[in-house]
Amino acid sequence: MKATSLNEFPERPNPHGVSARTIYDTQYAQCLHIVLKPGEALKKHITPVDVFFYILEGSGQVEIGNEVREVQQDMVIESPARVPHRLMNPKGEDFRFLVIKVPKPQEATKVL
């Protein structure tokens, strides 16, 4: 068994300029832990595979295509491949979520 504390995973540079940690990365799947501070947002981007988001803490907004929705803790949001999307935190608390990509993308994410 392998058990690792979240803080043992290093933050990695990313085009969004936010706190992001890859917490699972195999040839089959990838999972990132992201924290958006109040006022932060991911840049609108596309991924070559379907992804889903699991909201761990706080609330925020998810934009997929032309639809924007308020989301909160314990919600699961599906985002299809090749559709522009982003998550935003316009409120006054940290917004923590997981990004799960299955299968792991073989090509890079494209920031729009």
PDB file of N, CA and C in Angstrom:
ATOM      1  N   MET A   1       0.836  -1.182   0.000  1.00  0.00           N
ATOM      2  CA  MET A   1       0.000   0.000   0.000  1.00  0.00           C
ATOM      3  C   MET A   1       0.877   1.239   0.000  1.00  0.00           C
ATOM      4  N   LYS A   2       0.417   2.239  -0.715  1.00  0.00           N
ATOM      5  CA  LYS A   2       1.101   3.518  -0.716  1.00  0.00           C
ATOM      6  C   LYS A   2       0.110   4.575  -0.241  1.00  0.00           C
ATOM      7  N   ALA A   3       0.454   5.297   0.802  1.00  0.00           N
ATOM      8  CA  ALA A   3      -0.390   6.373   1.333  1.00  0.00           C
ATOM      9  C   ALA A   3       0.477   7.616   1.463  1.00  0.00           C
ATOM     10  N   THR A   4       0.044   8.697   0.851  1.00  0.00           N
ATOM     11  CA  THR A   4       0.848   9.907   0.791  1.00  0.00           C
ATOM     12  C   THR A   4       0.016  11.101   1.208  1.00  0.00           C
ATOM     13  N   SER A   5       0.577  11.963   2.038  1.00  0.00           N
ATOM     14  CA  SER A   5      -0.088  13.195   2.434  1.00  0.00           C
ATOM     15  C   SER A   5      -0.120  14.163   1.251  1.00  0.00           C
ATOM     16  N   LEU A   6      -1.199  14.916   1.127  1.00  0.00           N
ATOM     17  CA  LEU A   6      -1.332  15.873   0.023  1.00  0.00           C
ATOM     18  C   LEU A   6      -0.141  16.810  -0.065  1.00  0.00           C
ATOM     19  N   ASN A   7       0.354  17.277   1.072  1.00  0.00           N
ATOM     20  CA  ASN A   7       1.466  18.229   1.070  1.00  0.00           C
ATOM     21  C   ASN A   7       2.788  17.636   0.599  1.00  0.00           C
ATOM     22  N   GLU A   8       2.860  16.310   0.488  1.00  0.00           N
ATOM     23  CA  GLU A   8       4.075  15.675  -0.025  1.00  0.00           C
ATOM     24  C   GLU A   8       4.170  15.755  -1.550  1.00  0.00           C
ATOM     25  N   PHE A   9       3.046  16.069  -2.200  1.00  0.00           N
ATOM     26  CA  PHE A   9       3.052  16.247  -3.653  1.00  0.00           C
ATOM     27  C   PHE A   9       3.416  17.697  -3.937  1.00  0.00           C
ATOM     28  N   PRO A  10       4.428  17.947  -4.740  1.00  0.00           N
ATOM     29  CA  PRO A  10       4.833  19.335  -4.991  1.00  0.00           C
ATOM     30  C   PRO A  10       3.828  20.075  -5.862  1.00  0.00           C
ATOM     31  N   GLU A  11       3.706  21.361  -5.620  1.00  0.00           N
ATOM     32  CA  GLU A  11       2.926  22.189  -6.528  1.00  0.00           C
ATOM     33  C   GLU A  11       3.687  22.249  -7.839  1.00  0.00           C
ATOM     34  N   ARG A  12       2.965  22.251  -8.935  1.00  0.00           N
ATOM     35  CA  ARG A  12       3.637  22.274 -10.229  1.00  0.00           C
ATOM     36  C   ARG A  12       3.252  23.533 -10.993  1.00  0.00           C
ATOM     37  N   PRO A  13       4.217  24.093 -11.697  1.00  0.00           N
ATOM     38  CA  PRO A  13       3.901  25.269 -12.520  1.00  0.00           C
ATOM     39  C   PRO A  13       2.833  24.909 -13.550  1.00  0.00           C
ATOM     40  N   ASN A  14       1.967  25.861 -13.840  1.00  0.00           N
ATOM     41  CA  ASN A  14       0.905  25.618 -14.808  1.00  0.00           C
ATOM     42  C   ASN A  14       0.514  26.932 -15.463  1.00  0.00           C
ATOM     43  N   PRO A  15      -0.111  26.881 -16.633  1.00  0.00           N
ATOM     44  CA  PRO A  15      -0.449  28.116 -17.346  1.00  0.00           C
ATOM     45  C   PRO A  15      -1.520  28.950 -16.652  1.00  0.00           C
ATOM     46  N   HIS A  16      -2.162  28.386 -15.636  1.00  0.00           N
ATOM     47  CA  HIS A  16      -3.217  29.098 -14.923  1.00  0.00           C
ATOM     48  C   HIS A  16      -2.675  29.920 -13.757  1.00  0.00           C
ATOM     49  N   GLY A  17      -1.464  29.618 -13.317  1.00  0.00           N
ATOM     50  CA  GLY A  17      -0.856  30.346 -12.207  1.00  0.00           C
ATOM     51  C   GLY A  17      -1.527  30.110 -10.870  1.00  0.00           C
ATOM     52  N   VAL A  18      -2.078  28.899 -10.665  1.00  0.00           N
ATOM     53  CA  VAL A  18      -2.771  28.562  -9.421  1.00  0.00           C
ATOM     54  C   VAL A  18      -2.097  27.367  -8.752  1.00  0.00           C
ATOM     55  N   SER A  19      -2.511  27.072  -7.529  1.00  0.00           N
ATOM     56  CA  SER A  19      -1.983  25.921  -6.806  1.00  0.00           C
ATOM     57  C   SER A  19      -2.516  24.631  -7.428  1.00  0.00           C
ATOM     58  N   ALA A  20      -1.616  23.836  -8.021  1.00  0.00           N
ATOM     59  CA  ALA A  20      -2.002  22.576  -8.657  1.00  0.00           C
ATOM     60  C   ALA A  20      -0.981  21.507  -8.298  1.00  0.00           C
ATOM     61  N   ARG A  21      -1.472  20.353  -7.900  1.00  0.00           N
ATOM     62  CA  ARG A  21      -0.623  19.214  -7.558  1.00  0.00           C
ATOM     63  C   ARG A  21      -1.133  17.982  -8.292  1.00  0.00           C
ATOM     64  N   THR A  22      -0.252  17.286  -8.982  1.00  0.00           N
ATOM     65  CA  THR A  22      -0.618  16.008  -9.583  1.00  0.00           C
ATOM     66  C   THR A  22      -0.495  14.965  -8.482  1.00  0.00           C
ATOM     67  N   ILE A  23      -1.629  14.378  -8.097  1.00  0.00           N
ATOM     68  CA  ILE A  23      -1.616  13.436  -6.975  1.00  0.00           C
ATOM     69  C   ILE A  23      -1.718  11.984  -7.423  1.00  0.00           C
ATOM     70  N   TYR A  24      -2.016  11.780  -8.699  1.00  0.00           N
ATOM     71  CA  TYR A  24      -2.066  10.424  -9.252  1.00  0.00           C
ATOM     72  C   TYR A  24      -1.736  10.535 -10.728  1.00  0.00           C
ATOM     73  N   ASP A  25      -0.816   9.705 -11.191  1.00  0.00           N
ATOM     74  CA  ASP A  25      -0.386   9.810 -12.582  1.00  0.00           C
ATOM     75  C   ASP A  25       0.141   8.464 -13.048  1.00  0.00           C
ATOM     76  N   THR A  26      -0.666   7.744 -13.815  1.00  0.00           N
ATOM     77  CA  THR A  26      -0.250   6.463 -14.380  1.00  0.00           C
ATOM     78  C   THR A  26      -0.485   6.519 -15.879  1.00  0.00           C
ATOM     79  N   GLN A  27      -0.163   5.445 -16.561  1.00  0.00           N
ATOM     80  CA  GLN A  27      -0.395   5.418 -18.001  1.00  0.00           C
ATOM     81  C   GLN A  27      -1.884   5.409 -18.328  1.00  0.00           C
ATOM     82  N   TYR A  28      -2.743   5.109 -17.329  1.00  0.00           N
ATOM     83  CA  TYR A  28      -4.176   4.978 -17.575  1.00  0.00           C
ATOM     84  C   TYR A  28      -5.016   6.163 -17.114  1.00  0.00           C
ATOM     85  N   ALA A  29      -4.580   6.866 -16.088  1.00  0.00           N
ATOM     86  CA  ALA A  29      -5.399   7.942 -15.516  1.00  0.00           C
ATOM     87  C   ALA A  29      -4.522   9.002 -14.860  1.00  0.00           C
ATOM     88  N   GLN A  30      -5.117  10.158 -14.627  1.00  0.00           N
ATOM     89  CA  GLN A  30      -4.406  11.256 -13.977  1.00  0.00           C
ATOM     90  C   GLN A  30      -5.395  12.010 -13.093  1.00  0.00           C
ATOM     91  N   CYS A  31      -4.922  12.444 -11.927  1.00  0.00           N
ATOM     92  CA  CYS A  31      -5.753  13.211 -11.005  1.00  0.00           C
ATOM     93  C   CYS A  31      -4.947  14.388 -10.472  1.00  0.00           C
ATOM     94  N   LEU A  32      -5.542  15.573 -10.545  1.00  0.00           N
ATOM     95  CA  LEU A  32      -4.906  16.791 -10.033  1.00  0.00           C
ATOM     96  C   LEU A  32      -5.740  17.362  -8.903  1.00  0.00           C
ATOM     97  N   HIS A  33      -5.064  17.927  -7.918  1.00  0.00           N
ATOM     98  CA  HIS A  33      -5.705  18.653  -6.822  1.00  0.00           C
ATOM     99  C   HIS A  33      -5.441  20.130  -7.072  1.00  0.00           C
ATOM    100  N   ILE A  34      -6.506  20.920  -7.158  1.00  0.00           N
ATOM    101  CA  ILE A  34      -6.368  22.348  -7.443  1.00  0.00           C
ATOM    102  C   ILE A  34      -7.055  23.163  -6.357  1.00  0.00           C
ATOM    103  N   VAL A  35      -6.410  24.256  -5.971  1.00  0.00           N
ATOM    104  CA  VAL A  35      -7.003  25.219  -5.032  1.00  0.00           C
ATOM    105  C   VAL A  35      -7.063  26.564  -5.731  1.00  0.00           C
ATOM    106  N   LEU A  36      -8.269  27.118  -5.789  1.00  0.00           N
ATOM    107  CA  LEU A  36      -8.436  28.476  -6.288  1.00  0.00           C
ATOM    108  C   LEU A  36      -8.715  29.378  -5.095  1.00  0.00           C
ATOM    109  N   LYS A  37      -7.853  30.344  -4.889  1.00  0.00           N
ATOM    110  CA  LYS A  37      -8.065  31.356  -3.854  1.00  0.00           C
ATOM    111  C   LYS A  37      -9.163  32.303  -4.336  1.00  0.00           C
ATOM    112  N   PRO A  38      -9.775  33.076  -3.425  1.00  0.00           N
ATOM    113  CA  PRO A  38     -10.802  34.029  -3.841  1.00  0.00           C
ATOM    114  C   PRO A  38     -10.295  34.934  -4.970  1.00  0.00           C
ATOM    115  N   GLY A  39     -11.089  35.044  -6.026  1.00  0.00           N
ATOM    116  CA  GLY A  39     -10.732  35.865  -7.167  1.00  0.00           C
ATOM    117  C   GLY A  39      -9.931  35.146  -8.237  1.00  0.00           C
ATOM    118  N   GLU A  40      -9.455  33.940  -7.974  1.00  0.00           N
ATOM    119  CA  GLU A  40      -8.683  33.189  -8.970  1.00  0.00           C
ATOM    120  C   GLU A  40      -9.607  32.379  -9.882  1.00  0.00           C
ATOM    121  N   ALA A  41      -9.089  32.071 -11.065  1.00  0.00           N
ATOM    122  CA  ALA A  41      -9.832  31.250 -12.025  1.00  0.00           C
ATOM    123  C   ALA A  41      -8.841  30.528 -12.928  1.00  0.00           C
ATOM    124  N   LEU A  42      -9.260  29.383 -13.426  1.00  0.00           N
ATOM    125  CA  LEU A  42      -8.492  28.726 -14.475  1.00  0.00           C
ATOM    126  C   LEU A  42      -8.766  29.470 -15.772  1.00  0.00           C
ATOM    127  N   LYS A  43      -7.793  29.495 -16.657  1.00  0.00           N
ATOM    128  CA  LYS A  43      -8.017  30.041 -17.993  1.00  0.00           C
ATOM    129  C   LYS A  43      -8.880  29.049 -18.760  1.00  0.00           C
ATOM    130  N   LYS A  44      -9.718  29.551 -19.643  1.00  0.00           N
ATOM    131  CA  LYS A  44     -10.547  28.656 -20.445  1.00  0.00           C
ATOM    132  C   LYS A  44      -9.623  27.791 -21.300  1.00  0.00           C
ATOM    133  N   HIS A  45      -9.864  26.483 -21.298  1.00  0.00           N
ATOM    134  CA  HIS A  45      -9.006  25.552 -22.022  1.00  0.00           C
ATOM    135  C   HIS A  45      -9.799  24.329 -22.459  1.00  0.00           C
ATOM    136  N   ILE A  46      -9.174  23.519 -23.303  1.00  0.00           N
ATOM    137  CA  ILE A  46      -9.785  22.263 -23.732  1.00  0.00           C
ATOM    138  C   ILE A  46      -8.844  21.120 -23.389  1.00  0.00           C
ATOM    139  N   THR A  47      -9.415  19.958 -23.171  1.00  0.00           N
ATOM    140  CA  THR A  47      -8.627  18.746 -22.946  1.00  0.00           C
ATOM    141  C   THR A  47      -9.016  17.733 -24.024  1.00  0.00           C
ATOM    142  N   PRO A  48      -8.080  16.887 -24.412  1.00  0.00           N
ATOM    143  CA  PRO A  48      -8.355  15.915 -25.477  1.00  0.00           C
ATOM    144  C   PRO A  48      -9.152  14.699 -25.002  1.00  0.00           C
ATOM    145  N   VAL A  49      -9.437  14.619 -23.695  1.00  0.00           N
ATOM    146  CA  VAL A  49     -10.204  13.501 -23.132  1.00  0.00           C
ATOM    147  C   VAL A  49     -11.300  14.056 -22.228  1.00  0.00           C
ATOM    148  N   ASP A  50     -12.298  13.218 -21.942  1.00  0.00           N
ATOM    149  CA  ASP A  50     -13.311  13.597 -20.964  1.00  0.00           C
ATOM    150  C   ASP A  50     -12.642  13.779 -19.607  1.00  0.00           C
ATOM    151  N   VAL A  51     -13.142  14.720 -18.827  1.00  0.00           N
ATOM    152  CA  VAL A  51     -12.671  14.908 -17.458  1.00  0.00           C
ATOM    153  C   VAL A  51     -13.888  15.054 -16.554  1.00  0.00           C
ATOM    154  N   PHE A  52     -13.667  14.823 -15.262  1.00  0.00           N
ATOM    155  CA  PHE A  52     -14.709  15.209 -14.312  1.00  0.00           C
ATOM    156  C   PHE A  52     -14.053  15.864 -13.121  1.00  0.00           C
ATOM    157  N   PHE A  53     -14.828  16.726 -12.479  1.00  0.00           N
ATOM    158  CA  PHE A  53     -14.366  17.484 -11.329  1.00  0.00           C
ATOM    159  C   PHE A  53     -15.150  17.020 -10.110  1.00  0.00           C
ATOM    160  N   TYR A  54     -14.451  16.855  -8.994  1.00  0.00           N
ATOM    161  CA  TYR A  54     -15.111  16.553  -7.718  1.00  0.00           C
ATOM    162  C   TYR A  54     -14.778  17.690  -6.767  1.00  0.00           C
ATOM    163  N   ILE A  55     -15.800  18.378  -6.274  1.00  0.00           N
ATOM    164  CA  ILE A  55     -15.602  19.535  -5.416  1.00  0.00           C
ATOM    165  C   ILE A  55     -15.359  19.055  -3.982  1.00  0.00           C
ATOM    166  N   LEU A  56     -14.183  19.367  -3.456  1.00  0.00           N
ATOM    167  CA  LEU A  56     -13.793  18.953  -2.113  1.00  0.00           C
ATOM    168  C   LEU A  56     -14.235  19.943  -1.042  1.00  0.00           C
ATOM    169  N   GLU A  57     -14.118  21.238  -1.355  1.00  0.00           N
ATOM    170  CA  GLU A  57     -14.353  22.258  -0.337  1.00  0.00           C
ATOM    171  C   GLU A  57     -14.733  23.568  -1.012  1.00  0.00           C
ATOM    172  N   GLY A  58     -15.628  24.306  -0.366  1.00  0.00           N
ATOM    173  CA  GLY A  58     -16.004  25.618  -0.860  1.00  0.00           C
ATOM    174  C   GLY A  58     -17.026  25.542  -1.978  1.00  0.00           C
ATOM    175  N   SER A  59     -17.174  26.661  -2.652  1.00  0.00           N
ATOM    176  CA  SER A  59     -18.095  26.751  -3.778  1.00  0.00           C
ATOM    177  C   SER A  59     -17.477  27.660  -4.825  1.00  0.00           C
ATOM    178  N   GLY A  60     -17.973  27.537  -6.038  1.00  0.00           N
ATOM    179  CA  GLY A  60     -17.445  28.342  -7.125  1.00  0.00           C
ATOM    180  C   GLY A  60     -18.326  28.202  -8.343  1.00  0.00           C
ATOM    181  N   GLN A  61     -17.748  28.488  -9.486  1.00  0.00           N
ATOM    182  CA  GLN A  61     -18.476  28.398 -10.738  1.00  0.00           C
ATOM    183  C   GLN A  61     -17.700  27.518 -11.708  1.00  0.00           C
ATOM    184  N   VAL A  62     -18.454  26.772 -12.518  1.00  0.00           N
ATOM    185  CA  VAL A  62     -17.873  25.979 -13.594  1.00  0.00           C
ATOM    186  C   VAL A  62     -18.495  26.453 -14.894  1.00  0.00           C
ATOM    187  N   GLU A  63     -17.653  26.711 -15.877  1.00  0.00           N
ATOM    188  CA  GLU A  63     -18.114  27.073 -17.210  1.00  0.00           C
ATOM    189  C   GLU A  63     -17.685  25.967 -18.158  1.00  0.00           C
ATOM    190  N   ILE A  64     -18.670  25.368 -18.839  1.00  0.00           N
ATOM    191  CA  ILE A  64     -18.411  24.334 -19.840  1.00  0.00           C
ATOM    192  C   ILE A  64     -19.179  24.733 -21.086  1.00  0.00           C
ATOM    193  N   GLY A  65     -18.452  24.942 -22.173  1.00  0.00           N
ATOM    194  CA  GLY A  65     -19.094  25.475 -23.372  1.00  0.00           C
ATOM    195  C   GLY A  65     -19.615  26.872 -23.062  1.00  0.00           C
ATOM    196  N   ASN A  66     -20.899  27.104 -23.297  1.00  0.00           N
ATOM    197  CA  ASN A  66     -21.521  28.402 -23.017  1.00  0.00           C
ATOM    198  C   ASN A  66     -22.340  28.390 -21.739  1.00  0.00           C
ATOM    199  N   GLU A  67     -22.265  27.319 -20.962  1.00  0.00           N
ATOM    200  CA  GLU A  67     -23.065  27.192 -19.745  1.00  0.00           C
ATOM    201  C   GLU A  67     -22.207  27.443 -18.507  1.00  0.00           C
ATOM    202  N   VAL A  68     -22.707  28.271 -17.588  1.00  0.00           N
ATOM    203  CA  VAL A  68     -22.040  28.535 -16.316  1.00  0.00           C
ATOM    204  C   VAL A  68     -22.973  28.072 -15.208  1.00  0.00           C
ATOM    205  N   ARG A  69     -22.382  27.353 -14.235  1.00  0.00           N
ATOM    206  CA  ARG A  69     -23.196  26.831 -13.133  1.00  0.00           C
ATOM    207  C   ARG A  69     -22.475  27.013 -11.817  1.00  0.00           C
ATOM    208  N   GLU A  70     -23.230  27.358 -10.776  1.00  0.00           N
ATOM    209  CA  GLU A  70     -22.707  27.413  -9.416  1.00  0.00           C
ATOM    210  C   GLU A  70     -22.556  25.978  -8.916  1.00  0.00           C
ATOM    211  N   VAL A  71     -21.423  25.686  -8.276  1.00  0.00           N
ATOM    212  CA  VAL A  71     -21.180  24.342  -7.750  1.00  0.00           C
ATOM    213  C   VAL A  71     -20.681  24.453  -6.314  1.00  0.00           C
ATOM    214  N   GLN A  72     -20.808  23.364  -5.589  1.00  0.00           N
ATOM    215  CA  GLN A  72     -20.399  23.363  -4.188  1.00  0.00           C
ATOM    216  C   GLN A  72     -19.873  21.996  -3.777  1.00  0.00           C
ATOM    217  N   GLN A  73     -19.427  21.930  -2.538  1.00  0.00           N
ATOM    218  CA  GLN A  73     -18.818  20.721  -1.983  1.00  0.00           C
ATOM    219  C   GLN A  73     -19.648  19.482  -2.290  1.00  0.00           C
ATOM    220  N   ASP A  74     -18.943  18.403  -2.623  1.00  0.00           N
ATOM    221  CA  ASP A  74     -19.488  17.078  -2.896  1.00  0.00           C
ATOM    222  C   ASP A  74     -20.255  16.963  -4.203  1.00  0.00           C
ATOM    223  N   MET A  75     -20.106  17.937  -5.087  1.00  0.00           N
ATOM    224  CA  MET A  75     -20.711  17.812  -6.415  1.00  0.00           C
ATOM    225  C   MET A  75     -19.693  17.210  -7.377  1.00  0.00           C
ATOM    226  N   VAL A  76     -20.196  16.462  -8.368  1.00  0.00           N
ATOM    227  CA  VAL A  76     -19.398  15.895  -9.443  1.00  0.00           C
ATOM    228  C   VAL A  76     -19.879  16.535 -10.742  1.00  0.00           C
ATOM    229  N   ILE A  77     -18.945  17.078 -11.516  1.00  0.00           N
ATOM    230  CA  ILE A  77     -19.278  17.773 -12.755  1.00  0.00           C
ATOM    231  C   ILE A  77     -18.539  17.093 -13.899  1.00  0.00           C
ATOM    232  N   GLU A  78     -19.266  16.691 -14.923  1.00  0.00           N
ATOM    233  CA  GLU A  78     -18.671  16.042 -16.089  1.00  0.00           C
ATOM    234  C   GLU A  78     -18.380  17.083 -17.161  1.00  0.00           C
ATOM    235  N   SER A  79     -17.221  16.960 -17.795  1.00  0.00           N
ATOM    236  CA  SER A  79     -16.821  17.871 -18.864  1.00  0.00           C
ATOM    237  C   SER A  79     -16.327  17.050 -20.050  1.00  0.00           C
ATOM    238  N   PRO A  80     -17.036  17.097 -21.173  1.00  0.00           N
ATOM    239  CA  PRO A  80     -16.637  16.267 -22.317  1.00  0.00           C
ATOM    240  C   PRO A  80     -15.360  16.761 -22.996  1.00  0.00           C
ATOM    241  N   ALA A  81     -14.707  15.869 -23.652  1.00  0.00           N
ATOM    242  CA  ALA A  81     -13.477  16.175 -24.394  1.00  0.00           C
ATOM    243  C   ALA A  81     -13.727  17.260 -25.434  1.00  0.00           C
ATOM    244  N   ARG A  82     -12.699  18.088 -25.633  1.00  0.00           N
ATOM    245  CA  ARG A  82     -12.669  19.098 -26.694  1.00  0.00           C
ATOM    246  C   ARG A  82     -13.736  20.180 -26.570  1.00  0.00           C
ATOM    247  N   VAL A  83     -14.296  20.374 -25.367  1.00  0.00           N
ATOM    248  CA  VAL A  83     -15.240  21.465 -25.120  1.00  0.00           C
ATOM    249  C   VAL A  83     -14.549  22.436 -24.161  1.00  0.00           C
ATOM    250  N   PRO A  84     -14.469  23.727 -24.519  1.00  0.00           N
ATOM    251  CA  PRO A  84     -13.797  24.692 -23.639  1.00  0.00           C
ATOM    252  C   PRO A  84     -14.457  24.724 -22.253  1.00  0.00           C
ATOM    253  N   HIS A  85     -13.596  24.794 -21.230  1.00  0.00           N
ATOM    254  CA  HIS A  85     -14.120  24.830 -19.861  1.00  0.00           C
ATOM    255  C   HIS A  85     -13.149  25.566 -18.942  1.00  0.00           C
ATOM    256  N   ARG A  86     -13.663  25.964 -17.788  1.00  0.00           N
ATOM    257  CA  ARG A  86     -12.837  26.565 -16.745  1.00  0.00           C
ATOM    258  C   ARG A  86     -13.618  26.559 -15.439  1.00  0.00           C
ATOM    259  N   LEU A  87     -12.888  26.667 -14.334  1.00  0.00           N
ATOM    260  CA  LEU A  87     -13.478  26.804 -13.013  1.00  0.00           C
ATOM    261  C   LEU A  87     -13.036  28.139 -12.448  1.00  0.00           C
ATOM    262  N   MET A  88     -13.928  28.775 -11.657  1.00  0.00           N
ATOM    263  CA  MET A  88     -13.682  30.121 -11.148  1.00  0.00           C
ATOM    264  C   MET A  88     -14.095  30.204  -9.685  1.00  0.00           C
ATOM    265  N   ASN A  89     -13.402  31.062  -8.948  1.00  0.00           N
ATOM    266  CA  ASN A  89     -13.741  31.294  -7.551  1.00  0.00           C
ATOM    267  C   ASN A  89     -13.974  32.789  -7.321  1.00  0.00           C
ATOM    268  N   PRO A  90     -15.207  33.257  -7.510  1.00  0.00           N
ATOM    269  CA  PRO A  90     -15.491  34.675  -7.296  1.00  0.00           C
ATOM    270  C   PRO A  90     -15.785  35.022  -5.834  1.00  0.00           C
ATOM    271  N   LYS A  91     -15.787  34.028  -4.952  1.00  0.00           N
ATOM    272  CA  LYS A  91     -16.211  34.248  -3.555  1.00  0.00           C
ATOM    273  C   LYS A  91     -15.036  34.392  -2.607  1.00  0.00           C
ATOM    274  N   GLY A  92     -15.334  34.453  -1.316  1.00  0.00           N
ATOM    275  CA  GLY A  92     -14.331  34.758  -0.308  1.00  0.00           C
ATOM    276  C   GLY A  92     -13.762  33.585   0.464  1.00  0.00           C
ATOM    277  N   GLU A  93     -13.764  32.387  -0.099  1.00  0.00           N
ATOM    278  CA  GLU A  93     -13.179  31.222   0.569  1.00  0.00           C
ATOM    279  C   GLU A  93     -12.444  30.379  -0.460  1.00  0.00           C
ATOM    280  N   ASP A  94     -11.523  29.540   0.004  1.00  0.00           N
ATOM    281  CA  ASP A  94     -10.810  28.654  -0.914  1.00  0.00           C
ATOM    282  C   ASP A  94     -11.795  27.691  -1.584  1.00  0.00           C
ATOM    283  N   PHE A  95     -11.526  27.380  -2.840  1.00  0.00           N
ATOM    284  CA  PHE A  95     -12.331  26.467  -3.648  1.00  0.00           C
ATOM    285  C   PHE A  95     -11.394  25.338  -4.064  1.00  0.00           C
ATOM    286  N   ARG A  96     -11.565  24.140  -3.436  1.00  0.00           N
ATOM    287  CA  ARG A  96     -10.670  23.009  -3.687  1.00  0.00           C
ATOM    288  C   ARG A  96     -11.420  21.927  -4.437  1.00  0.00           C
ATOM    289  N   PHE A  97     -10.749  21.371  -5.467  1.00  0.00           N
ATOM    290  CA  PHE A  97     -11.397  20.326  -6.253  1.00  0.00           C
ATOM    291  C   PHE A  97     -10.361  19.406  -6.874  1.00  0.00           C
ATOM    292  N   LEU A  98     -10.847  18.232  -7.269  1.00  0.00           N
ATOM    293  CA  LEU A  98     -10.034  17.268  -8.000  1.00  0.00           C
ATOM    294  C   LEU A  98     -10.430  17.317  -9.469  1.00  0.00           C
ATOM    295  N   VAL A  99      -9.453  17.150 -10.340  1.00  0.00           N
ATOM    296  CA  VAL A  99      -9.669  17.014 -11.779  1.00  0.00           C
ATOM    297  C   VAL A  99      -9.204  15.605 -12.137  1.00  0.00           C
ATOM    298  N   ILE A 100     -10.124  14.781 -12.626  1.00  0.00           N
ATOM    299  CA  ILE A 100      -9.796  13.398 -12.948  1.00  0.00           C
ATOM    300  C   ILE A 100      -9.916  13.210 -14.457  1.00  0.00           C
ATOM    301  N   LYS A 101      -8.837  12.715 -15.062  1.00  0.00           N
ATOM    302  CA  LYS A 101      -8.776  12.489 -16.509  1.00  0.00           C
ATOM    303  C   LYS A 101      -8.578  11.000 -16.753  1.00  0.00           C
ATOM    304  N   VAL A 102      -9.585  10.385 -17.403  1.00  0.00           N
ATOM    305  CA  VAL A 102      -9.519   8.965 -17.720  1.00  0.00           C
ATOM    306  C   VAL A 102     -10.058   8.784 -19.134  1.00  0.00           C
ATOM    307  N   PRO A 103      -9.293   8.269 -20.063  1.00  0.00           N
ATOM    308  CA  PRO A 103      -7.900   7.865 -19.897  1.00  0.00           C
ATOM    309  C   PRO A 103      -6.979   9.083 -19.819  1.00  0.00           C
ATOM    310  N   LYS A 104      -5.785   8.843 -19.355  1.00  0.00           N
ATOM    311  CA  LYS A 104      -4.797   9.913 -19.291  1.00  0.00           C
ATOM    312  C   LYS A 104      -4.568  10.447 -20.700  1.00  0.00           C
ATOM    313  N   PRO A 105      -4.601  11.772 -20.853  1.00  0.00           N
ATOM    314  CA  PRO A 105      -4.398  12.331 -22.199  1.00  0.00           C
ATOM    315  C   PRO A 105      -2.975  12.106 -22.713  1.00  0.00           C
ATOM    316  N   GLN A 106      -2.891  11.802 -23.983  1.00  0.00           N
ATOM    317  CA  GLN A 106      -1.592  11.614 -24.621  1.00  0.00           C
ATOM    318  C   GLN A 106      -1.092  12.898 -25.268  1.00  0.00           C
ATOM    319  N   GLU A 107      -2.035  13.837 -25.499  1.00  0.00           N
ATOM    320  CA  GLU A 107      -1.644  15.140 -26.039  1.00  0.00           C
ATOM    321  C   GLU A 107      -1.888  16.193 -24.970  1.00  0.00           C
ATOM    322  N   ALA A 108      -1.319  17.350 -25.135  1.00  0.00           N
ATOM    323  CA  ALA A 108      -1.364  18.397 -24.125  1.00  0.00           C
ATOM    324  C   ALA A 108      -2.703  19.100 -24.097  1.00  0.00           C
ATOM    325  N   THR A 109      -3.019  19.650 -22.916  1.00  0.00           N
ATOM    326  CA  THR A 109      -4.157  20.536 -22.751  1.00  0.00           C
ATOM    327  C   THR A 109      -3.863  21.844 -23.482  1.00  0.00           C
ATOM    328  N   LYS A 110      -4.865  22.415 -24.105  1.00  0.00           N
ATOM    329  CA  LYS A 110      -4.678  23.648 -24.875  1.00  0.00           C
ATOM    330  C   LYS A 110      -5.398  24.798 -24.174  1.00  0.00           C
ATOM    331  N   VAL A 111      -4.655  25.824 -23.763  1.00  0.00           N
ATOM    332  CA  VAL A 111      -5.253  27.020 -23.172  1.00  0.00           C
ATOM    333  C   VAL A 111      -5.702  27.922 -24.304  1.00  0.00           C
ATOM    334  N   LEU A 112      -6.933  28.395 -24.215  1.00  0.00           N
ATOM    335  CA  LEU A 112      -7.484  29.233 -25.286  1.00  0.00           C
ATOM    336  C   LEU A 112      -7.219  30.695 -25.064  1.00  0.00           C
TER     337      LEU A 112
END
